[in-house]
Amino acid sequence: MPVQIANPVVVAKIERLAAVTGLTKTAAVENAVDRMLAGRQNPSDDDFEARVQAILAQLDRIPDRADAFEAIQWDEHGLPR
């Protein structure tokens, strides 16, 4: 599927990069994208535990509501009574 770049400044940069490197425009863009992706982990390759911890960290940042109530009473071990 082709990619269309409507920004003339970006097109000029790609053309300049291709000319400087001696690559085609496609190869220059591919090389630049590969370099930017190098060392970055693909989200689908992430460790499951790390994703779960990130979600839990986000949930921990949600403040408690003042009008909330606990339907279940909990003991000192965090177990329902």
PDB file of N, CA and C in Angstrom:
ATOM      1  N   MET A   1       0.853  -1.167   0.000  1.00  0.00           N
ATOM      2  CA  MET A   1       0.000   0.000   0.000  1.00  0.00           C
ATOM      3  C   MET A   1       0.906   1.240   0.000  1.00  0.00           C
ATOM      4  N   PRO A   2       0.692   2.157  -0.896  1.00  0.00           N
ATOM      5  CA  PRO A   2       1.543   3.342  -0.959  1.00  0.00           C
ATOM      6  C   PRO A   2       1.253   4.311   0.189  1.00  0.00           C
ATOM      7  N   VAL A   3       2.284   5.075   0.508  1.00  0.00           N
ATOM      8  CA  VAL A   3       2.157   6.113   1.515  1.00  0.00           C
ATOM      9  C   VAL A   3       2.262   7.450   0.797  1.00  0.00           C
ATOM     10  N   GLN A   4       1.327   8.325   1.057  1.00  0.00           N
ATOM     11  CA  GLN A   4       1.354   9.637   0.431  1.00  0.00           C
ATOM     12  C   GLN A   4       1.725  10.660   1.492  1.00  0.00           C
ATOM     13  N   ILE A   5       2.742  11.454   1.196  1.00  0.00           N
ATOM     14  CA  ILE A   5       3.178  12.493   2.122  1.00  0.00           C
ATOM     15  C   ILE A   5       2.809  13.834   1.514  1.00  0.00           C
ATOM     16  N   ALA A   6       1.901  14.535   2.164  1.00  0.00           N
ATOM     17  CA  ALA A   6       1.376  15.784   1.629  1.00  0.00           C
ATOM     18  C   ALA A   6       2.192  17.004   2.062  1.00  0.00           C
ATOM     19  N   ASN A   7       3.072  16.824   3.033  1.00  0.00           N
ATOM     20  CA  ASN A   7       3.859  17.942   3.551  1.00  0.00           C
ATOM     21  C   ASN A   7       5.092  18.134   2.655  1.00  0.00           C
ATOM     22  N   PRO A   8       5.173  19.240   1.902  1.00  0.00           N
ATOM     23  CA  PRO A   8       6.299  19.443   0.990  1.00  0.00           C
ATOM     24  C   PRO A   8       7.647  19.557   1.699  1.00  0.00           C
ATOM     25  N   VAL A   9       7.650  20.022   2.928  1.00  0.00           N
ATOM     26  CA  VAL A   9       8.904  20.109   3.675  1.00  0.00           C
ATOM     27  C   VAL A   9       9.440  18.704   3.962  1.00  0.00           C
ATOM     28  N   VAL A  10       8.553  17.799   4.342  1.00  0.00           N
ATOM     29  CA  VAL A  10       8.960  16.417   4.605  1.00  0.00           C
ATOM     30  C   VAL A  10       9.427  15.750   3.315  1.00  0.00           C
ATOM     31  N   VAL A  11       8.730  15.980   2.234  1.00  0.00           N
ATOM     32  CA  VAL A  11       9.127  15.417   0.934  1.00  0.00           C
ATOM     33  C   VAL A  11      10.520  15.907   0.567  1.00  0.00           C
ATOM     34  N   ALA A  12      10.783  17.185   0.763  1.00  0.00           N
ATOM     35  CA  ALA A  12      12.109  17.741   0.451  1.00  0.00           C
ATOM     36  C   ALA A  12      13.185  17.095   1.321  1.00  0.00           C
ATOM     37  N   LYS A  13      12.872  16.862   2.588  1.00  0.00           N
ATOM     38  CA  LYS A  13      13.835  16.213   3.480  1.00  0.00           C
ATOM     39  C   LYS A  13      14.134  14.789   3.028  1.00  0.00           C
ATOM     40  N   ILE A  14      13.096  14.078   2.604  1.00  0.00           N
ATOM     41  CA  ILE A  14      13.287  12.708   2.112  1.00  0.00           C
ATOM     42  C   ILE A  14      14.142  12.722   0.852  1.00  0.00           C
ATOM     43  N   GLU A  15      13.871  13.642  -0.047  1.00  0.00           N
ATOM     44  CA  GLU A  15      14.664  13.743  -1.280  1.00  0.00           C
ATOM     45  C   GLU A  15      16.113  14.075  -0.963  1.00  0.00           C
ATOM     46  N   ARG A  16      16.325  14.995  -0.014  1.00  0.00           N
ATOM     47  CA  ARG A  16      17.689  15.351   0.375  1.00  0.00           C
ATOM     48  C   ARG A  16      18.408  14.169   1.015  1.00  0.00           C
ATOM     49  N   LEU A  17      17.700  13.437   1.885  1.00  0.00           N
ATOM     50  CA  LEU A  17      18.284  12.261   2.521  1.00  0.00           C
ATOM     51  C   LEU A  17      18.663  11.216   1.479  1.00  0.00           C
ATOM     52  N   ALA A  18      17.785  10.997   0.511  1.00  0.00           N
ATOM     53  CA  ALA A  18      18.073  10.024  -0.551  1.00  0.00           C
ATOM     54  C   ALA A  18      19.302  10.452  -1.353  1.00  0.00           C
ATOM     55  N   ALA A  19      19.391  11.738  -1.678  1.00  0.00           N
ATOM     56  CA  ALA A  19      20.522  12.232  -2.462  1.00  0.00           C
ATOM     57  C   ALA A  19      21.834  12.109  -1.687  1.00  0.00           C
ATOM     58  N   VAL A  20      21.796  12.447  -0.411  1.00  0.00           N
ATOM     59  CA  VAL A  20      23.013  12.412   0.409  1.00  0.00           C
ATOM     60  C   VAL A  20      23.492  10.983   0.633  1.00  0.00           C
ATOM     61  N   THR A  21      22.564  10.068   0.805  1.00  0.00           N
ATOM     62  CA  THR A  21      22.931   8.677   1.094  1.00  0.00           C
ATOM     63  C   THR A  21      23.119   7.837  -0.162  1.00  0.00           C
ATOM     64  N   GLY A  22      22.633   8.329  -1.289  1.00  0.00           N
ATOM     65  CA  GLY A  22      22.718   7.547  -2.519  1.00  0.00           C
ATOM     66  C   GLY A  22      21.668   6.449  -2.584  1.00  0.00           C
ATOM     67  N   LEU A  23      20.686   6.513  -1.725  1.00  0.00           N
ATOM     68  CA  LEU A  23      19.623   5.516  -1.700  1.00  0.00           C
ATOM     69  C   LEU A  23      18.408   6.045  -2.449  1.00  0.00           C
ATOM     70  N   THR A  24      17.512   5.142  -2.769  1.00  0.00           N
ATOM     71  CA  THR A  24      16.229   5.587  -3.304  1.00  0.00           C
ATOM     72  C   THR A  24      15.458   6.233  -2.169  1.00  0.00           C
ATOM     73  N   LYS A  25      14.411   6.978  -2.498  1.00  0.00           N
ATOM     74  CA  LYS A  25      13.606   7.600  -1.453  1.00  0.00           C
ATOM     75  C   LYS A  25      12.990   6.531  -0.543  1.00  0.00           C
ATOM     76  N   THR A  26      12.530   5.452  -1.150  1.00  0.00           N
ATOM     77  CA  THR A  26      11.935   4.372  -0.360  1.00  0.00           C
ATOM     78  C   THR A  26      12.962   3.771   0.595  1.00  0.00           C
ATOM     79  N   ALA A  27      14.155   3.498   0.085  1.00  0.00           N
ATOM     80  CA  ALA A  27      15.207   2.912   0.920  1.00  0.00           C
ATOM     81  C   ALA A  27      15.650   3.880   2.008  1.00  0.00           C
ATOM     82  N   ALA A  28      15.709   5.165   1.695  1.00  0.00           N
ATOM     83  CA  ALA A  28      16.106   6.162   2.690  1.00  0.00           C
ATOM     84  C   ALA A  28      15.083   6.224   3.822  1.00  0.00           C
ATOM     85  N   VAL A  29      13.808   6.223   3.467  1.00  0.00           N
ATOM     86  CA  VAL A  29      12.754   6.250   4.493  1.00  0.00           C
ATOM     87  C   VAL A  29      12.802   4.960   5.306  1.00  0.00           C
ATOM     88  N   GLU A  30      12.949   3.827   4.640  1.00  0.00           N
ATOM     89  CA  GLU A  30      13.009   2.548   5.353  1.00  0.00           C
ATOM     90  C   GLU A  30      14.181   2.539   6.331  1.00  0.00           C
ATOM     91  N   ASN A  31      15.328   2.997   5.884  1.00  0.00           N
ATOM     92  CA  ASN A  31      16.510   3.035   6.742  1.00  0.00           C
ATOM     93  C   ASN A  31      16.270   3.941   7.952  1.00  0.00           C
ATOM     94  N   ALA A  32      15.679   5.107   7.719  1.00  0.00           N
ATOM     95  CA  ALA A  32      15.405   6.039   8.814  1.00  0.00           C
ATOM     96  C   ALA A  32      14.418   5.433   9.807  1.00  0.00           C
ATOM     97  N   VAL A  33      13.378   4.790   9.306  1.00  0.00           N
ATOM     98  CA  VAL A  33      12.383   4.163  10.184  1.00  0.00           C
ATOM     99  C   VAL A  33      13.032   3.033  10.973  1.00  0.00           C
ATOM    100  N   ASP A  34      13.838   2.211  10.305  1.00  0.00           N
ATOM    101  CA  ASP A  34      14.524   1.113  10.994  1.00  0.00           C
ATOM    102  C   ASP A  34      15.408   1.637  12.119  1.00  0.00           C
ATOM    103  N   ARG A  35      16.131   2.726  11.853  1.00  0.00           N
ATOM    104  CA  ARG A  35      17.009   3.300  12.884  1.00  0.00           C
ATOM    105  C   ARG A  35      16.206   3.813  14.077  1.00  0.00           C
ATOM    106  N   MET A  36      15.061   4.428  13.799  1.00  0.00           N
ATOM    107  CA  MET A  36      14.237   4.930  14.902  1.00  0.00           C
ATOM    108  C   MET A  36      13.619   3.790  15.713  1.00  0.00           C
ATOM    109  N   LEU A  37      13.317   2.686  15.044  1.00  0.00           N
ATOM    110  CA  LEU A  37      12.709   1.551  15.738  1.00  0.00           C
ATOM    111  C   LEU A  37      13.733   0.692  16.470  1.00  0.00           C
ATOM    112  N   ALA A  38      14.994   0.784  16.078  1.00  0.00           N
ATOM    113  CA  ALA A  38      16.036  -0.045  16.683  1.00  0.00           C
ATOM    114  C   ALA A  38      16.108   0.239  18.180  1.00  0.00           C
ATOM    115  N   GLY A  39      16.119  -0.802  18.947  1.00  0.00           N
ATOM    116  CA  GLY A  39      16.218  -0.663  20.389  1.00  0.00           C
ATOM    117  C   GLY A  39      14.906  -0.393  21.088  1.00  0.00           C
ATOM    118  N   ARG A  40      13.859  -0.136  20.320  1.00  0.00           N
ATOM    119  CA  ARG A  40      12.550   0.068  20.930  1.00  0.00           C
ATOM    120  C   ARG A  40      11.817  -1.266  20.909  1.00  0.00           C
ATOM    121  N   GLN A  41      11.198  -1.556  22.006  1.00  0.00           N
ATOM    122  CA  GLN A  41      10.500  -2.826  22.107  1.00  0.00           C
ATOM    123  C   GLN A  41       9.126  -2.715  21.471  1.00  0.00           C
ATOM    124  N   ASN A  42       8.756  -3.706  20.720  1.00  0.00           N
ATOM    125  CA  ASN A  42       7.430  -3.769  20.122  1.00  0.00           C
ATOM    126  C   ASN A  42       6.419  -4.032  21.232  1.00  0.00           C
ATOM    127  N   PRO A  43       5.341  -3.224  21.311  1.00  0.00           N
ATOM    128  CA  PRO A  43       4.369  -3.453  22.382  1.00  0.00           C
ATOM    129  C   PRO A  43       3.834  -4.877  22.436  1.00  0.00           C
ATOM    130  N   SER A  44       3.754  -5.548  21.303  1.00  0.00           N
ATOM    131  CA  SER A  44       3.245  -6.918  21.320  1.00  0.00           C
ATOM    132  C   SER A  44       4.275  -7.881  21.894  1.00  0.00           C
ATOM    133  N   ASP A  45       5.547  -7.445  21.970  1.00  0.00           N
ATOM    134  CA  ASP A  45       6.605  -8.288  22.526  1.00  0.00           C
ATOM    135  C   ASP A  45       6.832  -8.032  24.005  1.00  0.00           C
ATOM    136  N   ASP A  46       6.118  -7.064  24.563  1.00  0.00           N
ATOM    137  CA  ASP A  46       6.308  -6.706  25.963  1.00  0.00           C
ATOM    138  C   ASP A  46       6.049  -7.897  26.867  1.00  0.00           C
ATOM    139  N   ASP A  47       6.700  -7.878  27.982  1.00  0.00           N
ATOM    140  CA  ASP A  47       6.490  -8.883  29.003  1.00  0.00           C
ATOM    141  C   ASP A  47       5.104  -8.683  29.618  1.00  0.00           C
ATOM    142  N   PHE A  48       4.348  -9.738  29.749  1.00  0.00           N
ATOM    143  CA  PHE A  48       2.997  -9.658  30.292  1.00  0.00           C
ATOM    144  C   PHE A  48       2.998  -9.022  31.680  1.00  0.00           C
ATOM    145  N   GLU A  49       3.936  -9.420  32.503  1.00  0.00           N
ATOM    146  CA  GLU A  49       4.014  -8.883  33.862  1.00  0.00           C
ATOM    147  C   GLU A  49       4.214  -7.372  33.851  1.00  0.00           C
ATOM    148  N   ALA A  50       5.053  -6.874  32.956  1.00  0.00           N
ATOM    149  CA  ALA A  50       5.297  -5.432  32.865  1.00  0.00           C
ATOM    150  C   ALA A  50       4.028  -4.693  32.451  1.00  0.00           C
ATOM    151  N   ARG A  51       3.260  -5.276  31.535  1.00  0.00           N
ATOM    152  CA  ARG A  51       2.004  -4.645  31.117  1.00  0.00           C
ATOM    153  C   ARG A  51       0.999  -4.611  32.264  1.00  0.00           C
ATOM    154  N   VAL A  52       0.925  -5.703  33.004  1.00  0.00           N
ATOM    155  CA  VAL A  52       0.003  -5.751  34.144  1.00  0.00           C
ATOM    156  C   VAL A  52       0.417  -4.716  35.185  1.00  0.00           C
ATOM    157  N   GLN A  53       1.708  -4.625  35.477  1.00  0.00           N
ATOM    158  CA  GLN A  53       2.188  -3.652  36.456  1.00  0.00           C
ATOM    159  C   GLN A  53       1.892  -2.221  36.010  1.00  0.00           C
ATOM    160  N   ALA A  54       2.007  -1.949  34.721  1.00  0.00           N
ATOM    161  CA  ALA A  54       1.712  -0.604  34.207  1.00  0.00           C
ATOM    162  C   ALA A  54       0.230  -0.276  34.386  1.00  0.00           C
ATOM    163  N   ILE A  55      -0.630  -1.245  34.136  1.00  0.00           N
ATOM    164  CA  ILE A  55      -2.068  -1.032  34.328  1.00  0.00           C
ATOM    165  C   ILE A  55      -2.380  -0.803  35.798  1.00  0.00           C
ATOM    166  N   LEU A  56      -1.784  -1.611  36.676  1.00  0.00           N
ATOM    167  CA  LEU A  56      -2.021  -1.444  38.106  1.00  0.00           C
ATOM    168  C   LEU A  56      -1.515  -0.092  38.602  1.00  0.00           C
ATOM    169  N   ALA A  57      -0.396   0.364  38.072  1.00  0.00           N
ATOM    170  CA  ALA A  57       0.133   1.677  38.456  1.00  0.00           C
ATOM    171  C   ALA A  57      -0.839   2.784  38.050  1.00  0.00           C
ATOM    172  N   GLN A  58      -1.446   2.641  36.874  1.00  0.00           N
ATOM    173  CA  GLN A  58      -2.440   3.629  36.449  1.00  0.00           C
ATOM    174  C   GLN A  58      -3.659   3.597  37.374  1.00  0.00           C
ATOM    175  N   LEU A  59      -4.115   2.422  37.737  1.00  0.00           N
ATOM    176  CA  LEU A  59      -5.265   2.305  38.629  1.00  0.00           C
ATOM    177  C   LEU A  59      -4.960   2.895  40.008  1.00  0.00           C
ATOM    178  N   ASP A  60      -3.717   2.724  40.475  1.00  0.00           N
ATOM    179  CA  ASP A  60      -3.337   3.276  41.774  1.00  0.00           C
ATOM    180  C   ASP A  60      -3.382   4.795  41.790  1.00  0.00           C
ATOM    181  N   ARG A  61      -3.257   5.427  40.632  1.00  0.00           N
ATOM    182  CA  ARG A  61      -3.279   6.895  40.563  1.00  0.00           C
ATOM    183  C   ARG A  61      -4.703   7.458  40.594  1.00  0.00           C
ATOM    184  N   ILE A  62      -5.708   6.602  40.499  1.00  0.00           N
ATOM    185  CA  ILE A  62      -7.098   7.070  40.566  1.00  0.00           C
ATOM    186  C   ILE A  62      -7.429   7.336  42.029  1.00  0.00           C
ATOM    187  N   PRO A  63      -7.815   8.557  42.353  1.00  0.00           N
ATOM    188  CA  PRO A  63      -8.089   8.861  43.761  1.00  0.00           C
ATOM    189  C   PRO A  63      -9.348   8.141  44.254  1.00  0.00           C
ATOM    190  N   ASP A  64      -9.341   7.850  45.548  1.00  0.00           N
ATOM    191  CA  ASP A  64     -10.515   7.246  46.167  1.00  0.00           C
ATOM    192  C   ASP A  64     -11.640   8.275  46.227  1.00  0.00           C
ATOM    193  N   ARG A  65     -12.844   7.816  46.066  1.00  0.00           N
ATOM    194  CA  ARG A  65     -13.999   8.720  46.166  1.00  0.00           C
ATOM    195  C   ARG A  65     -14.398   8.867  47.626  1.00  0.00           C
ATOM    196  N   ALA A  66     -14.711  10.081  47.996  1.00  0.00           N
ATOM    197  CA  ALA A  66     -15.124  10.343  49.377  1.00  0.00           C
ATOM    198  C   ALA A  66     -16.471   9.698  49.689  1.00  0.00           C
ATOM    199  N   ASP A  67     -17.331   9.530  48.673  1.00  0.00           N
ATOM    200  CA  ASP A  67     -18.654   8.969  48.907  1.00  0.00           C
ATOM    201  C   ASP A  67     -18.708   7.455  48.653  1.00  0.00           C
ATOM    202  N   ALA A  68     -17.548   6.838  48.481  1.00  0.00           N
ATOM    203  CA  ALA A  68     -17.509   5.390  48.219  1.00  0.00           C
ATOM    204  C   ALA A  68     -17.733   4.626  49.524  1.00  0.00           C
ATOM    205  N   PHE A  69     -18.224   3.396  49.400  1.00  0.00           N
ATOM    206  CA  PHE A  69     -18.389   2.557  50.584  1.00  0.00           C
ATOM    207  C   PHE A  69     -17.935   1.146  50.240  1.00  0.00           C
ATOM    208  N   GLU A  70     -17.540   0.402  51.235  1.00  0.00           N
ATOM    209  CA  GLU A  70     -17.102  -0.974  51.056  1.00  0.00           C
ATOM    210  C   GLU A  70     -18.284  -1.894  51.348  1.00  0.00           C
ATOM    211  N   ALA A  71     -18.733  -2.624  50.353  1.00  0.00           N
ATOM    212  CA  ALA A  71     -19.850  -3.550  50.546  1.00  0.00           C
ATOM    213  C   ALA A  71     -19.402  -4.780  51.329  1.00  0.00           C
ATOM    214  N   ILE A  72     -18.109  -5.063  51.256  1.00  0.00           N
ATOM    215  CA  ILE A  72     -17.556  -6.223  51.955  1.00  0.00           C
ATOM    216  C   ILE A  72     -16.581  -5.721  53.007  1.00  0.00           C
ATOM    217  N   GLN A  73     -16.655  -6.265  54.197  1.00  0.00           N
ATOM    218  CA  GLN A  73     -15.692  -5.929  55.245  1.00  0.00           C
ATOM    219  C   GLN A  73     -14.443  -6.802  55.056  1.00  0.00           C
ATOM    220  N   TRP A  74     -13.278  -6.213  55.292  1.00  0.00           N
ATOM    221  CA  TRP A  74     -12.004  -6.901  55.092  1.00  0.00           C
ATOM    222  C   TRP A  74     -11.272  -7.049  56.405  1.00  0.00           C
ATOM    223  N   ASP A  75     -10.537  -8.156  56.568  1.00  0.00           N
ATOM    224  CA  ASP A  75      -9.736  -8.320  57.787  1.00  0.00           C
ATOM    225  C   ASP A  75      -8.345  -7.739  57.572  1.00  0.00           C
ATOM    226  N   GLU A  76      -7.503  -7.884  58.578  1.00  0.00           N
ATOM    227  CA  GLU A  76      -6.153  -7.308  58.534  1.00  0.00           C
ATOM    228  C   GLU A  76      -5.243  -7.963  57.488  1.00  0.00           C
ATOM    229  N   HIS A  77      -5.667  -9.105  56.953  1.00  0.00           N
ATOM    230  CA  HIS A  77      -4.892  -9.818  55.932  1.00  0.00           C
ATOM    231  C   HIS A  77      -5.411  -9.521  54.512  1.00  0.00           C
ATOM    232  N   GLY A  78      -6.402  -8.656  54.415  1.00  0.00           N
ATOM    233  CA  GLY A  78      -6.964  -8.319  53.128  1.00  0.00           C
ATOM    234  C   GLY A  78      -7.960  -9.330  52.607  1.00  0.00           C
ATOM    235  N   LEU A  79      -8.461 -10.161  53.500  1.00  0.00           N
ATOM    236  CA  LEU A  79      -9.442 -11.176  53.128  1.00  0.00           C
ATOM    237  C   LEU A  79     -10.827 -10.745  53.570  1.00  0.00           C
ATOM    238  N   PRO A  80     -11.855 -11.129  52.817  1.00  0.00           N
ATOM    239  CA  PRO A  80     -13.207 -10.778  53.228  1.00  0.00           C
ATOM    240  C   PRO A  80     -13.581 -11.486  54.527  1.00  0.00           C
ATOM    241  N   ARG A  81     -14.352 -10.792  55.364  1.00  0.00           N
ATOM    242  CA  ARG A  81     -14.798 -11.396  56.634  1.00  0.00           C
ATOM    243  C   ARG A  81     -16.051 -12.176  56.441  1.00  0.00           C
TER     244      ARG A  81
END
